[in-house]
């Protein structure tokens, strides 16, 4: 089950109220966490197959990979310093740890949603324009909300042209099954269940905004700077698993499917709408693209408009973001989110 839950004000408040150490120390043992989603299932296999142990041993360290059940709680725990790294989307990296003043680095851009998220209508609606005047059910302030806004923009509409009805990801399928709900935004596997209903049309999907809903492994910037072995081991282990998956290793893929609560066919279907970066070179091309800063600027504007950058934020530029090539978006004096390419470069060059 893919979990990208509602980002609510309580979570952000907790992040902002937490006191963080100003520096990290050199250490030999680390813990990172992940939650279930098609693009993050490899982390469980990396742990179960002992691939992380091999790479950690290479650098004389120990890395524990821990699965958590609650996505938002996993990011809150990372933000509070209980984990050295955590899987999260690009929007959540900006609006939780970065907005909570925790300087964080997107170490690995593993994939982006390429159809895993969509807007679905039923009962005759066939286009985005048909959304006008409708109630749209979705987890408010989540990536589903972001996708709706992007879709409305494409149709020449604004959010005020619809009525957003806050619905949890756990309830979205049952809500869509009722007679009075005609429009919903969801992610897989809920999206697949919604689309299987009769007389439905998917009028917009994340495949139409490629690269905007990014799935990351985020690590604490100071911890990474003090312990580059952590970055080398995580990157090396990740791309070893990518090689296995790309080669069609059925044992590994079946194990991931079981962990995700589906079968091999079901998991492969989810992977078809997940744009994985199979090699370090693929990921490097993405994070060094001139498009990425513009994407994150758009995400920052949405986040500011929804009040997700913190009470003190005066504009979408409140939080600084740094990209490869020393490109900066936002406040250069308040850099809290970084997209790093140094470990990808080493991996692409075989320097592991």
Protein backbone atom coordinates (compact mmCIF):
# COMPACT_ATOMS: atom_id res chain seq x y z
CA UNK A 1 0.00 0.00 0.00
CA UNK A 2 1.41 3.35 -1.00
CA UNK A 3 1.13 5.83 1.85
CA UNK A 4 1.48 9.54 1.31
CA UNK A 5 -0.79 10.85 4.06
CA UNK A 6 -2.13 14.26 4.85
CA UNK A 7 0.41 16.80 6.02
CA UNK A 8 -1.41 18.48 8.86
CA UNK A 9 -0.61 21.51 10.96
CA UNK A 10 0.01 19.44 14.09
CA UNK A 11 2.88 17.55 12.46
CA UNK A 12 4.47 20.77 11.30
CA UNK A 13 4.03 22.36 14.71
CA UNK A 14 5.72 19.39 16.37
CA UNK A 15 8.61 19.70 13.96
CA UNK A 16 8.99 23.40 14.61
CA UNK A 17 8.86 23.00 18.38
CA UNK A 18 11.53 20.31 18.51
CA UNK A 19 15.03 21.36 19.54
CA UNK A 20 17.74 20.01 17.23
CA UNK A 21 21.48 19.69 17.80
CA UNK A 22 23.52 22.18 15.76
CA UNK A 23 26.08 19.58 14.77
CA UNK A 24 26.58 15.87 14.41
CA UNK A 25 29.59 13.77 15.29
CA UNK A 26 31.57 11.16 13.44
CA UNK A 27 30.06 7.78 14.26
CA UNK A 28 29.99 4.18 13.12
CA UNK A 29 26.33 3.20 13.42
CA UNK A 30 23.32 4.70 11.63
CA UNK A 31 19.59 4.11 11.26
CA UNK A 32 17.34 5.05 8.35
CA UNK A 33 13.61 4.45 7.99
CA UNK A 34 11.17 3.81 5.18
CA UNK A 35 7.46 3.22 4.63
CA UNK A 36 5.59 1.09 2.12
CA UNK A 37 5.26 2.46 -1.40
CA UNK A 38 6.23 0.95 -4.76
CA UNK A 39 9.30 3.15 -5.14
CA UNK A 40 10.53 2.52 -1.60
CA UNK A 41 10.02 -1.23 -1.38
CA UNK A 42 13.66 -1.78 -2.49
CA UNK A 43 14.85 -0.54 0.92
CA UNK A 44 13.20 -3.49 2.63
CA UNK A 45 14.82 -5.90 0.18
CA UNK A 46 18.20 -4.16 0.60
CA UNK A 47 17.93 -4.91 4.30
CA UNK A 48 16.50 -8.43 4.03
CA UNK A 49 18.99 -9.51 1.36
CA UNK A 50 21.88 -8.21 3.52
CA UNK A 51 22.99 -5.92 0.70
CA UNK A 52 23.19 -3.01 3.12
CA UNK A 53 25.44 -5.07 5.40
CA UNK A 54 27.86 -5.72 2.54
CA UNK A 55 28.11 -2.05 1.63
CA UNK A 56 28.28 -0.86 5.23
CA UNK A 57 31.04 -3.37 5.99
CA UNK A 58 32.98 -2.01 3.04
CA UNK A 59 33.18 1.36 4.78
CA UNK A 60 33.54 0.07 8.32
CA UNK A 61 30.12 1.15 9.51
CA UNK A 62 26.76 -0.36 10.46
CA UNK A 63 23.43 0.74 8.93
CA UNK A 64 20.03 -0.34 10.22
CA UNK A 65 17.10 -0.01 7.80
CA UNK A 66 13.82 0.17 9.72
CA UNK A 67 10.32 -0.05 8.27
CA UNK A 68 7.69 2.13 9.94
CA UNK A 69 3.96 1.85 9.37
CA UNK A 70 3.04 5.54 9.54
CA UNK A 71 4.50 7.74 6.82
CA UNK A 72 3.99 11.13 8.47
CA UNK A 73 5.27 9.79 11.77
CA UNK A 74 8.41 8.47 10.09
CA UNK A 75 9.23 11.96 8.82
CA UNK A 76 8.43 13.49 12.20
CA UNK A 77 10.80 11.04 13.87
CA UNK A 78 13.52 11.83 11.35
CA UNK A 79 12.93 15.54 11.92
CA UNK A 80 13.24 15.01 15.67
CA UNK A 81 16.65 13.37 15.14
CA UNK A 82 15.61 9.78 15.85
CA UNK A 83 16.76 8.64 12.40
CA UNK A 84 19.71 9.65 10.25
CA UNK A 85 17.69 9.29 7.05
CA UNK A 86 14.14 8.70 5.89
CA UNK A 87 12.15 8.13 2.69
CA UNK A 88 9.82 10.99 1.76
CA UNK A 89 8.52 12.96 -1.19
CA UNK A 90 10.10 16.20 -2.33
CA UNK A 91 7.14 18.23 -1.08
CA UNK A 92 7.23 16.64 2.36
CA UNK A 93 11.01 17.11 2.57
CA UNK A 94 10.42 20.83 2.12
CA UNK A 95 7.37 21.21 4.35
CA UNK A 96 8.39 19.09 7.35
CA UNK A 97 12.13 18.82 8.09
CA UNK A 98 13.20 21.86 6.04
CA UNK A 99 10.31 23.96 7.37
CA UNK A 100 11.24 22.67 10.83
CA UNK A 101 14.79 24.09 10.42
CA UNK A 102 16.41 20.67 9.98
CA UNK A 103 18.99 21.01 7.20
CA UNK A 104 18.40 17.95 5.02
CA UNK A 105 19.91 16.46 1.89
CA UNK A 106 18.11 14.51 -0.83
CA UNK A 107 20.80 11.86 -1.15
CA UNK A 108 18.99 9.58 -3.60
CA UNK A 109 16.22 10.56 -5.98
CA UNK A 110 15.05 7.01 -6.53
CA UNK A 111 11.97 7.57 -8.66
CA UNK A 112 9.06 9.80 -9.46
CA UNK A 113 5.36 9.12 -9.86
CA UNK A 114 4.61 8.48 -13.53
CA UNK A 115 0.93 7.62 -13.26
CA UNK A 116 0.77 6.36 -9.67
CA UNK A 117 -1.36 9.42 -8.81
CA UNK A 118 -4.49 10.48 -10.68
CA UNK A 119 -7.76 12.41 -10.81
CA UNK A 120 -10.80 10.24 -11.52
CA UNK A 121 -14.37 11.20 -12.46
CA UNK A 122 -17.44 9.00 -12.67
CA UNK A 123 -20.92 9.33 -14.00
CA UNK A 124 -20.22 11.03 -17.31
CA UNK A 125 -17.33 13.40 -16.61
CA UNK A 126 -14.68 12.94 -19.28
CA UNK A 127 -12.31 15.93 -19.03
CA UNK A 128 -10.59 18.15 -16.50
CA UNK A 129 -12.97 20.96 -17.45
CA UNK A 130 -15.83 18.84 -16.10
CA UNK A 131 -14.41 19.33 -12.60
CA UNK A 132 -15.78 22.88 -12.49
CA UNK A 133 -18.33 23.22 -9.71
CA UNK A 134 -17.68 19.70 -8.37
CA UNK A 135 -16.76 18.48 -4.94
CA UNK A 136 -13.36 16.77 -5.20
CA UNK A 137 -12.46 14.24 -2.53
CA UNK A 138 -8.77 13.93 -1.56
CA UNK A 139 -6.35 14.03 1.39
CA UNK A 140 -6.04 17.79 1.84
CA UNK A 141 -2.54 19.36 1.77
CA UNK A 142 -1.05 16.14 0.38
CA UNK A 143 0.56 15.46 -3.00
CA UNK A 144 -2.97 14.63 -4.21
CA UNK A 145 -3.95 18.22 -3.45
CA UNK A 146 -0.89 19.43 -5.34
CA UNK A 147 -1.80 17.23 -8.32
CA UNK A 148 -5.34 18.65 -8.36
CA UNK A 149 -4.02 22.21 -8.49
CA UNK A 150 -1.65 21.29 -11.33
CA UNK A 151 -4.50 19.65 -13.24
CA UNK A 152 -6.78 22.64 -12.78
CA UNK A 153 -4.02 24.89 -14.08
CA UNK A 154 -3.77 22.75 -17.20
CA UNK A 155 -7.53 23.14 -17.73
CA UNK A 156 -7.50 26.89 -17.21
CA UNK A 157 -9.30 26.56 -13.88
CA UNK A 158 -8.44 27.57 -10.32
CA UNK A 159 -8.95 25.79 -7.03
CA UNK A 160 -11.83 28.14 -6.22
CA UNK A 161 -13.68 26.57 -9.17
CA UNK A 162 -14.05 23.32 -7.18
CA UNK A 163 -14.77 22.37 -3.59
CA UNK A 164 -12.09 20.25 -1.93
CA UNK A 165 -13.46 17.70 0.53
CA UNK A 166 -10.78 16.42 2.91
CA UNK A 167 -10.78 12.61 2.84
CA UNK A 168 -8.08 10.33 4.24
CA UNK A 169 -6.25 7.94 1.96
CA UNK A 170 -7.72 5.09 4.02
CA UNK A 171 -11.28 6.26 3.25
CA UNK A 172 -10.94 7.49 -0.32
CA UNK A 173 -11.96 4.21 -2.00
CA UNK A 174 -15.10 3.71 0.09
CA UNK A 175 -16.03 7.38 -0.35
CA UNK A 176 -15.75 7.11 -4.12
CA UNK A 177 -18.03 4.09 -4.01
CA UNK A 178 -20.94 6.19 -2.74
CA UNK A 179 -23.45 7.73 -5.13
CA UNK A 180 -22.82 11.36 -4.20
CA UNK A 181 -19.03 11.33 -4.83
CA UNK A 182 -18.17 12.00 -8.46
CA UNK A 183 -14.54 13.16 -8.32
CA UNK A 184 -11.52 11.98 -6.33
CA UNK A 185 -7.74 12.22 -6.37
CA UNK A 186 -5.77 9.22 -5.17
CA UNK A 187 -2.52 7.29 -5.41
CA UNK A 188 -1.87 3.60 -5.92
CA UNK A 189 -3.07 1.13 -4.85
CA UNK A 190 -6.20 3.16 -3.99
CA UNK A 191 -6.12 4.74 -7.44
CA UNK A 192 -6.33 1.34 -9.13
CA UNK A 193 -9.31 0.38 -6.98
CA UNK A 194 -11.10 3.62 -7.84
CA UNK A 195 -10.42 3.27 -11.56
CA UNK A 196 -11.85 -0.26 -11.52
CA UNK A 197 -15.32 1.09 -10.71
CA UNK A 198 -17.83 1.31 -13.54
CA UNK A 199 -18.26 4.48 -15.62
CA UNK A 200 -15.04 6.10 -14.47
CA UNK A 201 -12.52 8.20 -16.39
CA UNK A 202 -9.06 9.21 -15.27
CA UNK A 203 -8.86 12.79 -16.51
CA UNK A 204 -5.37 13.65 -15.24
CA UNK A 205 -2.40 11.79 -13.82
CA UNK A 206 1.11 12.41 -12.55
CA UNK A 207 2.40 11.18 -15.92
CA UNK A 208 1.31 14.58 -17.28
CA UNK A 209 3.56 16.41 -14.81
CA UNK A 210 6.62 14.13 -14.97
CA UNK A 211 9.27 14.60 -12.34
CA UNK A 212 7.14 16.70 -9.98
CA UNK A 213 6.21 14.03 -7.39
CA UNK A 214 9.67 12.74 -6.45
CA UNK A 215 10.45 9.83 -4.11
CA UNK A 216 13.61 10.47 -2.09
CA UNK A 217 15.95 9.09 0.52
CA UNK A 218 16.66 12.14 2.65
CA UNK A 219 19.50 12.30 5.19
CA UNK A 220 20.58 14.84 7.77
CA UNK A 221 23.02 17.21 6.05
CA UNK A 222 25.44 17.54 8.97
CA UNK A 223 25.46 13.80 9.59
CA UNK A 224 26.26 13.21 5.93
CA UNK A 225 29.01 15.81 5.93
CA UNK A 226 30.62 14.27 9.02
CA UNK A 227 30.10 10.71 7.78
CA UNK A 228 30.41 10.46 3.99
CA UNK A 229 30.64 6.67 4.35
CA UNK A 230 26.90 6.72 5.07
CA UNK A 231 26.18 8.32 1.71
CA UNK A 232 28.51 5.96 -0.15
CA UNK A 233 27.01 2.84 1.42
CA UNK A 234 23.37 3.85 0.94
CA UNK A 235 23.97 4.88 -2.67
CA UNK A 236 25.93 1.73 -3.50
CA UNK A 237 23.35 -0.57 -1.93
CA UNK A 238 20.46 1.18 -3.64
CA UNK A 239 21.87 0.86 -7.13
CA UNK A 240 22.90 -2.75 -6.58
CA UNK A 241 19.23 -3.45 -5.87
CA UNK A 242 18.20 -1.43 -8.93
CA UNK A 243 20.37 -3.74 -11.04
CA UNK A 244 18.60 -6.79 -9.62
CA UNK A 245 15.18 -5.30 -10.27
CA UNK A 246 16.02 -4.17 -13.78
CA UNK A 247 17.27 -7.67 -14.55
CA UNK A 248 13.86 -9.01 -13.47
CA UNK A 249 14.99 -10.90 -10.35
CA UNK A 250 11.66 -12.59 -9.55
CA UNK A 251 12.66 -13.73 -6.07
CA UNK A 252 13.48 -10.16 -5.04
CA UNK A 253 10.43 -8.67 -6.77
CA UNK A 254 8.11 -11.30 -5.27
CA UNK A 255 9.43 -10.52 -1.80
CA UNK A 256 8.76 -6.82 -2.35
CA UNK A 257 5.27 -7.61 -3.61
CA UNK A 258 4.51 -9.67 -0.51
CA UNK A 259 5.77 -6.88 1.75
CA UNK A 260 3.55 -4.45 -0.15
CA UNK A 261 0.50 -6.65 0.35
CA UNK A 262 0.09 -7.66 -3.28
CA UNK A 263 1.28 -10.33 -5.71
CA UNK A 264 4.06 -10.15 -8.29
CA UNK A 265 1.70 -9.03 -11.05
CA UNK A 266 0.23 -6.36 -8.81
CA UNK A 267 3.61 -5.00 -7.84
CA UNK A 268 4.82 -4.99 -11.42
CA UNK A 269 1.72 -2.99 -12.33
CA UNK A 270 2.69 -0.39 -9.73
CA UNK A 271 6.24 -0.28 -11.04
CA UNK A 272 4.94 0.50 -14.53
CA UNK A 273 3.65 3.83 -13.21
CA UNK A 274 6.77 4.47 -11.14
CA UNK A 275 9.66 6.02 -13.06
CA UNK A 276 12.65 4.41 -11.36
CA UNK A 277 16.15 5.68 -12.02
CA UNK A 278 17.87 2.38 -12.69
CA UNK A 279 21.46 3.66 -12.70
CA UNK A 280 23.44 6.40 -10.94
CA UNK A 281 23.80 8.10 -14.32
CA UNK A 282 20.00 8.20 -14.73
CA UNK A 283 19.54 9.76 -11.30
CA UNK A 284 22.42 12.16 -11.92
CA UNK A 285 20.82 13.41 -15.13
CA UNK A 286 17.59 14.08 -13.24
CA UNK A 287 19.03 15.95 -10.24
CA UNK A 288 21.33 18.08 -12.39
CA UNK A 289 18.55 19.02 -14.81
CA UNK A 290 17.68 22.69 -15.08
CA UNK A 291 14.05 21.62 -14.61
CA UNK A 292 14.46 20.52 -10.99
CA UNK A 293 14.86 24.00 -9.44
CA UNK A 294 11.77 25.16 -11.35
CA UNK A 295 9.80 22.13 -10.14
CA UNK A 296 10.78 22.81 -6.54
CA UNK A 297 9.92 26.49 -6.93
CA UNK A 298 6.42 25.45 -7.99
CA UNK A 299 6.19 23.06 -5.03
CA UNK A 300 7.36 25.83 -2.69
CA UNK A 301 4.68 28.20 -4.01
CA UNK A 302 1.94 25.62 -3.46
CA UNK A 303 3.29 24.89 0.02
CA UNK A 304 3.38 28.59 0.94
CA UNK A 305 -0.13 29.15 -0.39
CA UNK A 306 -1.33 26.35 1.90
CA UNK A 307 0.58 27.64 4.95
CA UNK A 308 2.99 24.70 5.03
CA UNK A 309 6.27 26.64 5.24
CA UNK A 310 5.77 27.75 8.82
CA UNK A 311 4.03 30.65 10.53
CA UNK A 312 6.98 32.98 9.99
CA UNK A 313 7.18 32.42 6.24
CA UNK A 314 6.51 35.65 4.36
CA UNK A 315 6.77 34.17 0.87
CA UNK A 316 7.47 31.00 -1.08
CA UNK A 317 11.15 32.04 -0.93
CA UNK A 318 11.33 31.65 2.86
CA UNK A 319 13.23 28.34 2.75
CA UNK A 320 16.38 28.12 0.70
CA UNK A 321 17.06 25.11 -1.51
CA UNK A 322 20.39 24.30 -3.12
CA UNK A 323 20.88 22.25 -6.27
CA UNK A 324 23.92 20.88 -8.11
CA UNK A 325 26.06 23.57 -9.71
CA UNK A 326 25.48 25.81 -6.66
CA UNK A 327 22.06 26.82 -8.00
CA UNK A 328 19.86 28.25 -5.25
CA UNK A 329 16.12 28.79 -4.94
CA UNK A 330 14.65 30.82 -2.11
CA UNK A 331 16.53 32.41 0.76
CA UNK A 332 20.25 31.74 0.26
CA UNK A 333 20.78 32.59 3.93
CA UNK A 334 18.38 29.87 5.06
CA UNK A 335 19.35 26.79 3.02
CA UNK A 336 17.51 23.84 4.55
CA UNK A 337 17.02 21.44 1.61
CA UNK A 338 19.81 20.28 -0.67
CA UNK A 339 19.85 18.05 -3.73
CA UNK A 340 23.28 16.43 -3.72
CA UNK A 341 25.00 14.93 -6.76
CA UNK A 342 28.42 14.07 -5.33
CA UNK A 343 27.62 10.49 -4.32
CA UNK A 344 25.82 9.84 -7.59
CA UNK A 345 28.88 11.08 -9.46
CA UNK A 346 31.11 8.67 -7.52
CA UNK A 347 28.73 5.78 -8.16
CA UNK A 348 28.40 6.59 -11.86
CA UNK A 349 32.18 6.69 -12.17
CA UNK A 350 32.55 3.39 -10.31
CA UNK A 351 34.28 5.13 -7.40
CA UNK A 352 32.65 3.26 -4.54
